[in-house]
Amino acid sequence: MVTTDVLIVGAGPTGLTLAIDLGKRGVRCMLIEQKQEPAFWPKMERVNARSMEIYRRLGLSEKIRAAGLRPDCPMDVYVMLALTEPPLLHLKYPSVAQAQAAGRVTNDGTMPLEPYQLISQYTLEPLLKSVAETIPAIAVRFGCEFLSLTQDAQGVTARVRGAEGEQDIRARYLVGCDGGTSAVRKELGIALSGDGNLLALRQALFRCDELFERLPLGNGGGKGPGKGRHYHVADDKSTFLIMQDSTKHWTLHSVVDSDDEMKTAFERAVGVPVKYEMLYCAPWRQNLLLADHYGKGRVFIAGDAAHLVIPTGGLGMNSGVGDAIDLSWKLAATLAGWGGPALLKSYEIERRQVGERNVGASRYATIGRRKWRGMWRPNIRDNSPAGAETRAKLAAVADVEQRKSNEMIGAELGYRYVDSPIICNIPGGPEHLFRVYQPTTWPGARLPHVWLDGGTPMQDRIPDGYTILRLAGTRADAGGLQRAIAARGAPVTVLDVPDDVAREIYGYDLILIRPDMHVVWRGNAAPEDAGHVAAVATGHALAD
């Protein structure tokens, strides 16, 4: 029987990220995937700011940017009738290069260390797979289908089928990262709750080498929308054209009845003859669903297996990356022997609340998009006062409502773990906002990005393990807390940061950070009971 410490089912971005982080921590893991190789399917197309910060700590942010959309391309969003006609609405968003430049001159904690990166999932998955295959602790097996599982007090036995037939894999823990139809979730008997089958569409992937470089289109006048990321067609079919990372591939969503109609919809959206090839087409349905639980016993679920959102807001895959990083260090700590029983218990408590908020954020953005699409009338193209009024009303509503889909920085950076057994919780706390990010060190929050003297980002100074920040030359003693955490067997570092800007933004002299960059505790003096803070942080408080 094959044995490993962690068996990961599903090699999408969530499973691959989990495997890479575990592997870098020296945890033996096996990653199995039913497909023979990563598929060239159009799914997600943007890694958000928080995920890019996570990938930076994994040493992958530069590789992802090199593989994705070039940094000078605008990320603008248009509402239009066709690419040959003046847009009804143009929402401007910075390119990666512009966002990086703005971040370098902003030091108030409001900006991420890494801005977003447009990269298609069919580009990201092979990249992550190639990284995973270089890490000795990871065994990657494509063409291996998960069939069933049993578990006991010591581990999990999974039945799988590969090229050699059926076999058992024994693991101490198993994580299902196997998507919305998750076989692992079904084996556990975990239900999904929420709203399913909200809208049925088709999605197609086109290759059109000339389109992006010819933008803006027009009859010689170039009056159509310019270069951008999203092109929403104002029609009664929810037609939506998306530029992919190569600028040569485009995805189209539309409510139509056949694959051939998708070609017609593409041609209508473009408006002029272009050479193109449809590479893929399939139906899909919009869902807003959340798993009732994120695991049972020694088996966990993550990513789309745990939450299904509408792509409005771009929170689906990125929520999965957050799940992976939260679960990874907790599994590693438990396997290393220093993680207490509350550590793995906290995974569902922390990540399910984020999943619930992100489902809510997706619903909020979707309702906004439906509002402006509901302003469509059959006369929208008429060259008449009534037609002009329809276009103006739709554009005015879209100028408010479409922004909800494209401005989600609060949901990306501002999520905060509430009532977690491994956070020194304080009643109350900042409001959870979808569209606005307010930097905070309230326990449970992500540590805000700050540039230190010399231009080094705070995040790059923080090592793995637990870190106690001593800010602005404080005389507060961190030694007791450091010794208490070390006594649990956990890695811990005291980092002196004399920078006054960091102290001003963070608001406290001492801050305890856990391995995923979330705040555990803060204060202006050493904690009265350092042993209790250490027990909470390492998952032992409920057991003591």
Protein backbone atom coordinates (compact mmCIF):
# COMPACT_ATOMS: atom_id res chain seq x y z
CA MET A 1 0.00 0.00 0.00
CA VAL A 2 1.24 3.48 -0.88
CA THR A 3 1.60 5.73 2.16
CA THR A 4 1.95 9.49 2.59
CA ASP A 5 1.26 12.14 5.21
CA VAL A 6 -1.29 14.16 3.22
CA LEU A 7 -3.25 12.99 0.19
CA ILE A 8 -4.62 15.84 -1.93
CA VAL A 9 -7.40 15.02 -4.38
CA GLY A 10 -7.61 17.50 -7.26
CA ALA A 11 -4.81 19.42 -8.98
CA GLY A 12 -6.47 22.73 -9.69
CA PRO A 13 -4.98 25.94 -8.25
CA THR A 14 -6.19 25.10 -4.73
CA GLY A 15 -4.73 21.59 -4.64
CA LEU A 16 -1.49 22.64 -6.29
CA THR A 17 -1.02 25.58 -3.93
CA LEU A 18 -1.68 23.34 -0.93
CA ALA A 19 0.81 20.75 -2.19
CA ILE A 20 3.52 23.36 -2.88
CA ASP A 21 3.20 24.95 0.56
CA LEU A 22 3.17 21.58 2.31
CA GLY A 23 6.11 20.38 0.23
CA LYS A 24 8.15 23.46 1.01
CA ARG A 25 7.48 22.76 4.70
CA GLY A 26 8.89 19.25 4.23
CA VAL A 27 5.56 17.47 4.58
CA ARG A 28 5.25 14.32 2.47
CA CYS A 29 2.17 14.66 0.30
CA MET A 30 0.67 13.04 -2.77
CA LEU A 31 -1.38 15.03 -5.27
CA ILE A 32 -3.72 13.02 -7.49
CA GLU A 33 -5.74 14.28 -10.43
CA GLN A 34 -8.22 12.42 -12.62
CA LYS A 35 -7.22 14.31 -15.80
CA GLN A 36 -4.17 13.14 -17.71
CA GLU A 37 -2.81 16.71 -17.83
CA PRO A 38 -3.97 20.26 -17.00
CA ALA A 39 -6.87 21.17 -19.28
CA PHE A 40 -6.95 24.11 -21.65
CA TRP A 41 -10.29 25.26 -20.28
CA PRO A 42 -11.32 28.88 -19.66
CA LYS A 43 -11.99 29.30 -15.96
CA MET A 44 -10.53 31.99 -13.68
CA GLU A 45 -8.41 34.72 -15.23
CA ARG A 46 -7.20 36.89 -12.35
CA VAL A 47 -5.05 36.20 -9.30
CA ASN A 48 -6.02 38.88 -6.81
CA ALA A 49 -3.77 40.96 -4.59
CA ARG A 50 -3.98 38.72 -1.51
CA SER A 51 -3.24 35.59 -3.54
CA MET A 52 -0.27 37.32 -5.17
CA GLU A 53 1.08 38.15 -1.70
CA ILE A 54 0.71 34.47 -0.80
CA TYR A 55 2.51 33.43 -3.97
CA ARG A 56 5.26 35.94 -3.21
CA ARG A 57 5.92 34.16 0.09
CA LEU A 58 6.10 30.91 -1.86
CA GLY A 59 8.66 32.49 -4.19
CA LEU A 60 6.31 32.31 -7.18
CA SER A 61 5.02 35.85 -7.80
CA GLU A 62 7.63 36.72 -10.43
CA LYS A 63 7.06 33.44 -12.29
CA ILE A 64 3.33 34.06 -12.32
CA ARG A 65 3.76 37.60 -13.63
CA ALA A 66 6.16 36.41 -16.33
CA ALA A 67 3.63 33.82 -17.50
CA GLY A 68 0.60 36.12 -17.31
CA LEU A 69 -0.60 39.25 -19.06
CA ARG A 70 2.17 41.70 -19.81
CA PRO A 71 2.34 44.52 -17.23
CA ASP A 72 1.53 47.43 -19.55
CA CYS A 73 -1.94 46.20 -20.58
CA PRO A 74 -4.85 48.19 -19.16
CA MET A 75 -7.44 46.38 -17.06
CA ASP A 76 -10.29 48.60 -18.23
CA VAL A 77 -13.92 47.45 -18.33
CA TYR A 78 -16.44 48.45 -20.98
CA VAL A 79 -20.19 48.24 -21.42
CA MET A 80 -20.89 48.32 -25.14
CA LEU A 81 -23.10 47.31 -28.03
CA ALA A 82 -20.17 46.04 -30.13
CA LEU A 83 -16.42 46.57 -30.41
CA THR A 84 -17.02 48.77 -33.46
CA GLU A 85 -19.28 51.25 -31.67
CA PRO A 86 -18.59 53.92 -29.05
CA PRO A 87 -18.83 52.33 -25.59
CA LEU A 88 -21.80 53.12 -23.40
CA LEU A 89 -19.53 53.07 -20.33
CA HIS A 90 -15.77 52.97 -19.83
CA LEU A 91 -14.42 52.12 -16.36
CA LYS A 92 -10.67 52.67 -16.12
CA TYR A 93 -8.48 50.40 -14.00
CA PRO A 94 -4.67 50.46 -13.76
CA SER A 95 -2.38 48.03 -15.49
CA VAL A 96 -0.12 45.92 -13.28
CA ALA A 97 2.76 48.31 -13.98
CA GLN A 98 0.64 51.31 -12.96
CA ALA A 99 -0.61 49.53 -9.82
CA GLN A 100 2.96 48.62 -8.86
CA ALA A 101 4.08 52.22 -9.36
CA ALA A 102 1.23 53.52 -7.21
CA GLY A 103 2.05 50.97 -4.50
CA ARG A 104 5.70 52.02 -4.36
CA VAL A 105 4.79 55.62 -3.45
CA THR A 106 1.99 54.76 -0.99
CA ASN A 107 2.89 53.84 2.57
CA ASP A 108 -0.25 54.10 4.66
CA GLY A 109 -1.12 50.40 4.79
CA THR A 110 -3.99 50.69 2.32
CA MET A 111 -2.19 49.12 -0.64
CA PRO A 112 -1.24 45.47 -1.12
CA LEU A 113 2.40 44.52 -1.48
CA GLU A 114 1.51 42.73 -4.72
CA PRO A 115 -1.24 43.99 -7.04
CA TYR A 116 -3.41 41.63 -9.04
CA GLN A 117 -2.17 39.65 -12.03
CA LEU A 118 -4.28 38.59 -14.98
CA ILE A 119 -3.34 34.97 -15.75
CA SER A 120 -5.68 32.35 -17.15
CA GLN A 121 -6.20 29.17 -15.16
CA TYR A 122 -4.97 27.12 -18.11
CA THR A 123 -1.68 29.02 -17.79
CA LEU A 124 -1.47 28.99 -14.00
CA GLU A 125 -2.14 25.28 -13.49
CA PRO A 126 0.75 23.98 -15.63
CA LEU A 127 3.06 26.52 -13.99
CA LEU A 128 2.12 25.38 -10.48
CA LYS A 129 2.34 21.73 -11.55
CA SER A 130 5.88 22.26 -12.85
CA VAL A 131 6.85 23.79 -9.50
CA ALA A 132 5.25 20.99 -7.48
CA GLU A 133 7.13 18.38 -9.52
CA THR A 134 10.48 19.88 -8.46
CA ILE A 135 9.79 19.55 -4.71
CA PRO A 136 11.08 16.22 -3.34
CA ALA A 137 8.34 15.88 -0.71
CA ILE A 138 5.55 15.96 -3.31
CA ALA A 139 4.42 13.03 -5.47
CA VAL A 140 2.29 14.24 -8.41
CA ARG A 141 0.07 11.65 -10.10
CA PHE A 142 -2.15 12.73 -13.00
CA GLY A 143 -4.50 10.18 -14.56
CA CYS A 144 -5.39 8.92 -11.06
CA GLU A 145 -9.07 8.94 -10.11
CA PHE A 146 -10.33 9.10 -6.52
CA LEU A 147 -13.01 6.47 -5.89
CA SER A 148 -13.78 6.25 -2.18
CA LEU A 149 -12.38 6.64 1.33
CA THR A 150 -12.55 5.20 4.81
CA GLN A 151 -11.00 6.73 7.91
CA ASP A 152 -10.12 5.77 11.45
CA ALA A 153 -8.39 7.39 14.41
CA GLN A 154 -4.94 7.09 12.82
CA GLY A 155 -5.56 8.05 9.20
CA VAL A 156 -7.46 7.77 5.94
CA THR A 157 -7.45 5.04 3.29
CA ALA A 158 -8.40 6.19 -0.21
CA ARG A 159 -9.28 3.86 -3.06
CA VAL A 160 -8.01 5.22 -6.38
CA ARG A 161 -7.81 4.05 -9.98
CA GLY A 162 -4.89 4.75 -12.28
CA ALA A 163 -3.17 3.24 -15.29
CA GLU A 164 -2.22 0.15 -13.24
CA GLY A 165 -5.74 -0.40 -11.98
CA GLU A 166 -7.21 0.14 -8.52
CA GLN A 167 -5.10 0.53 -5.39
CA ASP A 168 -5.26 1.94 -1.86
CA ILE A 169 -3.38 4.97 -0.61
CA ARG A 170 -2.96 5.41 3.12
CA ALA A 171 -2.54 8.95 4.46
CA ARG A 172 -2.67 10.60 7.83
CA TYR A 173 -4.91 13.31 6.36
CA LEU A 174 -6.82 13.79 3.11
CA VAL A 175 -7.91 17.06 1.48
CA GLY A 176 -10.52 17.20 -1.26
CA CYS A 177 -9.71 20.01 -3.69
CA ASP A 178 -11.75 18.33 -6.41
CA GLY A 179 -14.13 21.08 -7.47
CA GLY A 180 -17.82 21.82 -7.31
CA THR A 181 -18.89 18.22 -7.91
CA SER A 182 -16.40 17.02 -5.29
CA ALA A 183 -16.39 13.25 -4.84
CA VAL A 184 -14.62 13.72 -1.50
CA ARG A 185 -17.38 16.01 -0.23
CA LYS A 186 -20.00 13.49 -1.34
CA GLU A 187 -18.14 10.65 0.39
CA LEU A 188 -18.33 12.64 3.60
CA GLY A 189 -22.05 13.29 3.12
CA ILE A 190 -21.58 17.06 3.35
CA ALA A 191 -24.35 19.07 1.69
CA LEU A 192 -24.16 22.40 -0.12
CA SER A 193 -26.55 25.15 0.97
CA GLY A 194 -27.56 28.30 -0.87
CA ASP A 195 -28.81 29.15 -4.33
CA GLY A 196 -28.05 26.83 -7.24
CA ASN A 197 -28.72 27.02 -10.98
CA LEU A 198 -29.37 30.76 -10.94
CA LEU A 199 -28.61 31.22 -14.62
CA ALA A 200 -27.68 28.82 -17.43
CA LEU A 201 -25.10 30.09 -19.95
CA ARG A 202 -22.58 28.82 -22.43
CA GLN A 203 -18.90 29.63 -22.24
CA ALA A 204 -16.60 29.47 -25.26
CA LEU A 205 -12.88 29.97 -25.73
CA PHE A 206 -11.82 31.60 -28.99
CA ARG A 207 -8.41 32.18 -30.51
CA CYS A 208 -8.22 35.44 -32.43
CA ASP A 209 -4.65 36.68 -32.88
CA GLU A 210 -5.52 40.03 -34.43
CA LEU A 211 -8.32 41.38 -32.26
CA PHE A 212 -6.44 42.90 -29.32
CA GLU A 213 -3.89 44.72 -31.44
CA ARG A 214 -6.64 46.16 -33.65
CA LEU A 215 -8.55 47.71 -30.74
CA PRO A 216 -10.20 50.16 -30.88
CA LEU A 217 -12.16 48.94 -33.87
CA GLY A 218 -14.39 51.00 -36.13
CA ASN A 219 -14.95 51.91 -39.72
CA GLY A 220 -11.57 53.51 -40.03
CA GLY A 221 -12.31 55.89 -37.17
CA GLY A 222 -11.49 53.65 -34.27
CA LYS A 223 -14.56 54.71 -32.31
CA GLY A 224 -15.07 51.43 -30.48
CA PRO A 225 -13.78 50.50 -27.03
CA GLY A 226 -10.03 50.46 -26.57
CA LYS A 227 -7.77 47.85 -25.07
CA GLY A 228 -9.09 46.42 -21.84
CA ARG A 229 -9.99 43.32 -19.90
CA HIS A 230 -13.79 42.96 -19.87
CA TYR A 231 -16.35 43.85 -22.52
CA HIS A 232 -19.99 43.56 -21.45
CA VAL A 233 -22.45 43.54 -24.33
CA ALA A 234 -25.67 45.39 -23.48
CA ASP A 235 -28.16 42.80 -24.72
CA ASP A 236 -30.78 40.42 -23.35
CA LYS A 237 -28.43 37.40 -23.33
CA SER A 238 -25.90 38.44 -20.65
CA THR A 239 -23.15 38.41 -23.31
CA PHE A 240 -19.72 39.07 -21.84
CA LEU A 241 -16.35 39.02 -23.67
CA ILE A 242 -13.13 38.55 -21.67
CA MET A 243 -9.55 39.02 -22.85
CA GLN A 244 -7.26 36.22 -21.65
CA ASP A 245 -3.61 36.49 -20.62
CA SER A 246 -2.06 35.95 -24.07
CA THR A 247 -4.22 38.74 -25.59
CA LYS A 248 -4.82 36.21 -28.38
CA HIS A 249 -7.47 34.18 -26.57
CA TRP A 250 -10.92 35.40 -25.63
CA THR A 251 -13.71 33.85 -23.61
CA LEU A 252 -17.36 34.59 -24.25
CA HIS A 253 -20.35 33.95 -22.01
CA SER A 254 -23.88 34.15 -23.36
CA VAL A 255 -27.35 32.72 -22.83
CA VAL A 256 -27.76 30.78 -26.09
CA ASP A 257 -28.99 27.32 -27.03
CA SER A 258 -26.14 25.91 -29.13
CA ASP A 259 -22.41 26.02 -29.73
CA ASP A 260 -22.94 27.50 -33.20
CA GLU A 261 -24.85 30.37 -31.66
CA MET A 262 -21.74 31.17 -29.62
CA LYS A 263 -19.86 31.81 -32.86
CA THR A 264 -22.63 34.14 -33.97
CA ALA A 265 -22.54 35.91 -30.58
CA PHE A 266 -18.76 36.37 -30.89
CA GLU A 267 -19.03 37.79 -34.39
CA ARG A 268 -21.84 40.13 -33.29
CA ALA A 269 -19.82 41.37 -30.30
CA VAL A 270 -16.72 42.01 -32.41
CA GLY A 271 -18.68 43.71 -35.20
CA VAL A 272 -16.17 43.30 -38.05
CA PRO A 273 -14.83 40.20 -39.81
CA VAL A 274 -11.82 38.67 -38.04
CA LYS A 275 -10.06 35.34 -38.32
CA TYR A 276 -10.87 33.20 -35.31
CA GLU A 277 -11.18 29.62 -34.09
CA MET A 278 -13.50 28.35 -31.37
CA LEU A 279 -11.39 25.99 -29.24
CA TYR A 280 -13.89 25.03 -26.55
CA CYS A 281 -17.57 25.46 -25.75
CA ALA A 282 -19.69 24.09 -22.92
CA PRO A 283 -22.68 25.07 -20.79
CA TRP A 284 -22.33 26.19 -17.19
CA ARG A 285 -24.61 27.39 -14.43
CA GLN A 286 -24.25 30.16 -11.90
CA ASN A 287 -24.29 29.02 -8.27
CA LEU A 288 -23.99 30.63 -4.86
CA LEU A 289 -23.40 27.63 -2.61
CA LEU A 290 -21.49 26.91 0.59
CA ALA A 291 -20.67 23.55 2.14
CA ASP A 292 -22.34 22.95 5.49
CA HIS A 293 -18.98 21.76 6.84
CA TYR A 294 -15.38 21.95 5.63
CA GLY A 295 -14.50 18.40 6.63
CA LYS A 296 -15.03 15.47 8.95
CA GLY A 297 -12.43 13.75 11.08
CA ARG A 298 -9.13 13.59 9.20
CA VAL A 299 -10.64 14.66 5.87
CA PHE A 300 -11.02 18.29 4.76
CA ILE A 301 -12.38 20.05 1.69
CA ALA A 302 -11.12 23.28 0.13
CA GLY A 303 -11.68 25.51 -2.88
CA ASP A 304 -14.72 24.91 -5.09
CA ALA A 305 -15.42 21.71 -3.17
CA ALA A 306 -16.34 23.96 -0.24
CA HIS A 307 -17.79 27.05 -1.93
CA LEU A 308 -19.22 27.91 -5.34
CA VAL A 309 -19.56 31.56 -6.30
CA ILE A 310 -20.47 33.47 -9.44
CA PRO A 311 -17.27 34.91 -10.97
CA THR A 312 -18.45 38.48 -10.30
CA GLY A 313 -15.78 39.90 -8.01
CA GLY A 314 -13.20 37.25 -8.89
CA LEU A 315 -13.39 35.52 -5.50
CA GLY A 316 -13.71 31.85 -6.46
CA MET A 317 -10.21 30.56 -7.15
CA ASN A 318 -8.70 33.17 -4.86
CA SER A 319 -10.83 31.92 -1.95
CA GLY A 320 -9.39 28.47 -2.64
CA VAL A 321 -5.82 29.78 -2.44
CA GLY A 322 -6.70 31.26 0.96
CA ASP A 323 -8.15 27.92 2.07
CA ALA A 324 -4.96 26.13 1.00
CA ILE A 325 -2.63 28.44 2.92
CA ASP A 326 -4.77 28.39 6.05
CA LEU A 327 -4.92 24.60 6.08
CA SER A 328 -1.32 23.95 5.03
CA TRP A 329 0.53 25.38 8.01
CA LYS A 330 -1.98 23.83 10.41
CA LEU A 331 -1.49 20.39 8.90
CA ALA A 332 2.29 20.84 8.97
CA ALA A 333 2.22 21.95 12.63
CA THR A 334 0.01 19.04 13.63
CA LEU A 335 2.21 16.53 11.82
CA ALA A 336 5.31 18.08 13.41
CA GLY A 337 3.80 17.50 16.83
CA TRP A 338 3.57 21.05 18.14
CA GLY A 339 0.12 21.93 16.83
CA GLY A 340 -2.62 21.52 19.41
CA PRO A 341 -6.08 20.02 18.79
CA ALA A 342 -7.68 23.43 18.14
CA LEU A 343 -5.37 24.11 15.19
CA LEU A 344 -7.09 21.87 12.65
CA LYS A 345 -10.46 22.52 14.29
CA SER A 346 -9.97 26.21 13.49
CA TYR A 347 -9.76 25.56 9.72
CA GLU A 348 -13.53 25.27 9.28
CA ILE A 349 -14.24 28.04 11.80
CA GLU A 350 -11.95 30.48 10.00
CA ARG A 351 -12.37 29.60 6.35
CA ARG A 352 -16.10 28.87 6.29
CA GLN A 353 -16.85 32.40 7.53
CA VAL A 354 -14.68 33.75 4.71
CA GLY A 355 -16.50 31.47 2.26
CA GLU A 356 -19.81 32.76 3.54
CA ARG A 357 -18.72 36.39 3.20
CA ASN A 358 -17.37 35.77 -0.30
CA VAL A 359 -20.60 34.10 -1.39
CA GLY A 360 -22.31 37.24 -0.08
CA ALA A 361 -19.89 39.50 -1.95
CA SER A 362 -20.49 37.56 -5.15
CA ARG A 363 -24.26 37.88 -4.66
CA TYR A 364 -23.89 41.63 -4.03
CA ALA A 365 -21.93 42.06 -7.27
CA THR A 366 -24.28 39.81 -9.25
CA ILE A 367 -27.36 41.74 -8.15
CA GLY A 368 -25.60 44.91 -9.24
CA ARG A 369 -24.86 43.48 -12.68
CA ARG A 370 -28.45 42.30 -13.05
CA LYS A 371 -29.71 45.78 -12.21
CA TRP A 372 -27.98 47.43 -15.14
CA ARG A 373 -28.70 44.52 -17.48
CA GLY A 374 -32.36 44.88 -16.49
CA MET A 375 -32.30 48.36 -18.07
CA TRP A 376 -31.95 46.80 -21.54
CA ARG A 377 -34.83 47.51 -23.94
CA PRO A 378 -35.34 46.31 -27.54
CA ASN A 379 -34.89 49.88 -28.77
CA ILE A 380 -31.33 50.20 -27.43
CA ARG A 381 -29.87 50.50 -30.93
CA ASP A 382 -32.54 52.83 -32.28
CA ASN A 383 -31.37 56.15 -33.66
CA SER A 384 -34.16 57.96 -31.85
CA PRO A 385 -34.69 59.93 -28.65
CA ALA A 386 -36.18 56.83 -27.04
CA GLY A 387 -33.17 54.72 -28.05
CA ALA A 388 -30.78 57.38 -26.76
CA GLU A 389 -32.67 57.50 -23.47
CA THR A 390 -32.41 53.69 -23.08
CA ARG A 391 -28.66 53.81 -23.67
CA ALA A 392 -28.18 56.70 -21.26
CA LYS A 393 -30.23 55.10 -18.48
CA LEU A 394 -28.44 51.76 -18.83
CA ALA A 395 -25.04 53.46 -18.77
CA ALA A 396 -25.93 55.52 -15.71
CA VAL A 397 -27.03 52.46 -13.74
CA ALA A 398 -24.02 50.46 -14.93
CA ASP A 399 -21.69 53.26 -13.80
CA VAL A 400 -22.85 52.50 -10.26
CA GLU A 401 -23.61 48.80 -10.33
CA GLN A 402 -20.87 47.34 -12.55
CA ARG A 403 -18.21 48.73 -10.22
CA LYS A 404 -19.39 46.24 -7.60
CA SER A 405 -17.94 43.42 -9.72
CA ASN A 406 -14.58 45.06 -10.31
CA GLU A 407 -13.84 46.77 -6.99
CA MET A 408 -13.55 44.11 -4.28
CA ILE A 409 -10.37 45.11 -2.49
CA GLY A 410 -12.09 44.93 0.91
CA ALA A 411 -13.12 41.31 0.36
CA GLU A 412 -9.64 40.50 -0.96
CA LEU A 413 -7.49 42.04 1.78
CA GLY A 414 -9.83 42.85 4.65
CA TYR A 415 -11.17 39.47 5.68
CA ARG A 416 -10.69 38.88 9.39
CA TYR A 417 -11.10 35.66 11.36
CA VAL A 418 -13.74 36.08 14.07
CA ASP A 419 -14.24 33.84 17.13
CA SER A 420 -11.37 31.58 16.15
CA PRO A 421 -9.98 29.34 18.91
CA ILE A 422 -6.42 30.21 17.83
CA ILE A 423 -6.85 34.01 17.89
CA CYS A 424 -6.86 36.14 21.03
CA ASN A 425 -10.29 37.46 20.19
CA ILE A 426 -11.52 40.90 21.20
CA PRO A 427 -15.28 41.61 21.07
CA GLY A 428 -16.30 43.89 18.23
CA GLY A 429 -13.91 44.87 15.50
CA PRO A 430 -13.94 46.72 12.20
CA GLU A 431 -16.85 46.23 9.83
CA HIS A 432 -16.34 43.69 7.07
CA LEU A 433 -16.47 45.69 3.84
CA PHE A 434 -16.45 44.31 0.31
CA ARG A 435 -15.24 47.31 -1.68
CA VAL A 436 -13.10 49.30 0.76
CA TYR A 437 -9.99 48.11 2.58
CA GLN A 438 -9.18 49.69 5.92
CA PRO A 439 -5.81 48.54 7.29
CA THR A 440 -5.99 47.12 10.79
CA THR A 441 -4.08 44.88 13.18
CA TRP A 442 -7.23 43.77 14.97
CA PRO A 443 -6.60 40.13 15.97
CA GLY A 444 -7.60 37.86 13.11
CA ALA A 445 -6.73 40.38 10.38
CA ARG A 446 -4.01 40.12 7.74
CA LEU A 447 -0.98 42.21 8.67
CA PRO A 448 -1.14 45.34 6.46
CA HIS A 449 1.68 45.92 3.98
CA VAL A 450 4.17 48.64 5.01
CA TRP A 451 7.38 49.79 3.36
CA LEU A 452 10.23 49.99 5.88
CA ASP A 453 13.25 52.30 5.77
CA GLY A 454 15.34 51.42 2.74
CA GLY A 455 12.32 50.28 0.72
CA THR A 456 12.03 46.77 2.14
CA PRO A 457 8.46 45.52 2.59
CA MET A 458 7.55 44.35 6.07
CA GLN A 459 6.23 41.06 4.69
CA ASP A 460 9.67 40.20 3.29
CA ARG A 461 11.25 40.69 6.73
CA ILE A 462 8.89 38.24 8.42
CA PRO A 463 10.18 34.64 8.48
CA ASP A 464 8.09 31.49 8.57
CA GLY A 465 6.69 30.38 11.88
CA TYR A 466 5.42 32.79 14.55
CA THR A 467 6.84 36.30 14.63
CA ILE A 468 6.68 38.83 17.46
CA LEU A 469 7.07 42.34 16.06
CA ARG A 470 8.69 44.87 18.41
CA LEU A 471 7.96 48.27 16.89
CA ALA A 472 9.55 51.72 17.02
CA GLY A 473 12.22 50.82 19.58
CA THR A 474 9.76 49.83 22.30
CA ARG A 475 11.17 48.59 25.57
CA ALA A 476 8.30 46.14 25.99
CA ASP A 477 9.65 42.69 26.79
CA ALA A 478 8.82 40.02 24.19
CA GLY A 479 11.05 37.41 25.80
CA GLY A 480 8.36 35.77 27.93
CA LEU A 481 6.02 35.30 24.98
CA GLN A 482 8.86 34.02 22.82
CA ARG A 483 9.85 31.45 25.45
CA ALA A 484 6.23 30.37 25.95
CA ILE A 485 5.74 29.71 22.24
CA ALA A 486 9.10 27.97 21.93
CA ALA A 487 8.17 25.77 24.89
CA ARG A 488 5.31 24.42 22.77
CA GLY A 489 7.89 23.37 20.18
CA ALA A 490 6.77 25.96 17.64
CA PRO A 491 9.19 28.10 15.59
CA VAL A 492 9.18 31.71 16.79
CA THR A 493 11.23 34.83 16.03
CA VAL A 494 11.36 38.26 17.67
CA LEU A 495 11.76 40.93 14.99
CA ASP A 496 12.77 44.43 16.05
CA VAL A 497 11.40 47.05 13.65
CA PRO A 498 12.49 50.56 14.66
CA ASP A 499 10.49 52.13 11.82
CA ASP A 500 8.05 54.79 13.11
CA VAL A 501 5.74 54.51 10.08
CA ALA A 502 5.06 50.85 10.81
CA ARG A 503 4.27 51.66 14.47
CA GLU A 504 1.90 54.43 13.43
CA ILE A 505 -0.01 52.20 10.99
CA TYR A 506 -0.06 49.11 13.21
CA GLY A 507 -1.01 51.08 16.32
CA TYR A 508 0.72 48.86 18.91
CA ASP A 509 4.23 48.16 20.20
CA LEU A 510 4.00 44.36 20.13
CA ILE A 511 2.18 42.24 17.54
CA LEU A 512 2.17 38.44 17.33
CA ILE A 513 1.88 37.12 13.77
CA ARG A 514 1.23 33.50 12.87
CA PRO A 515 2.70 31.71 9.80
CA ASP A 516 -0.04 32.90 7.41
CA MET A 517 0.54 36.59 8.24
CA HIS A 518 -2.61 36.96 10.35
CA VAL A 519 -2.50 38.73 13.71
CA VAL A 520 -2.93 36.55 16.81
CA TRP A 521 -2.43 39.14 19.56
CA ARG A 522 -1.34 42.76 20.00
CA GLY A 523 -0.49 45.03 22.92
CA ASN A 524 1.73 47.83 24.19
CA ALA A 525 3.24 45.66 26.92
CA ALA A 526 4.01 41.99 27.36
CA PRO A 527 0.85 39.90 27.84
CA GLU A 528 -0.08 39.27 31.46
CA ASP A 529 -0.26 35.54 30.77
CA ALA A 530 2.24 34.75 28.02
CA GLY A 531 1.59 31.03 28.45
CA HIS A 532 -2.09 31.47 27.63
CA VAL A 533 -1.35 33.54 24.50
CA ALA A 534 1.11 30.87 23.38
CA ALA A 535 -1.42 28.12 24.05
CA VAL A 536 -4.08 29.94 22.03
CA ALA A 537 -1.72 30.64 19.13
CA THR A 538 -0.54 27.03 18.86
CA GLY A 539 -3.96 25.43 19.30
CA HIS A 540 -3.55 24.12 22.84
CA ALA A 541 -5.77 26.49 24.81
CA LEU A 542 -8.88 24.31 24.65
CA ALA A 543 -6.91 21.26 25.74
CA ASP A 544 -5.08 22.84 28.69
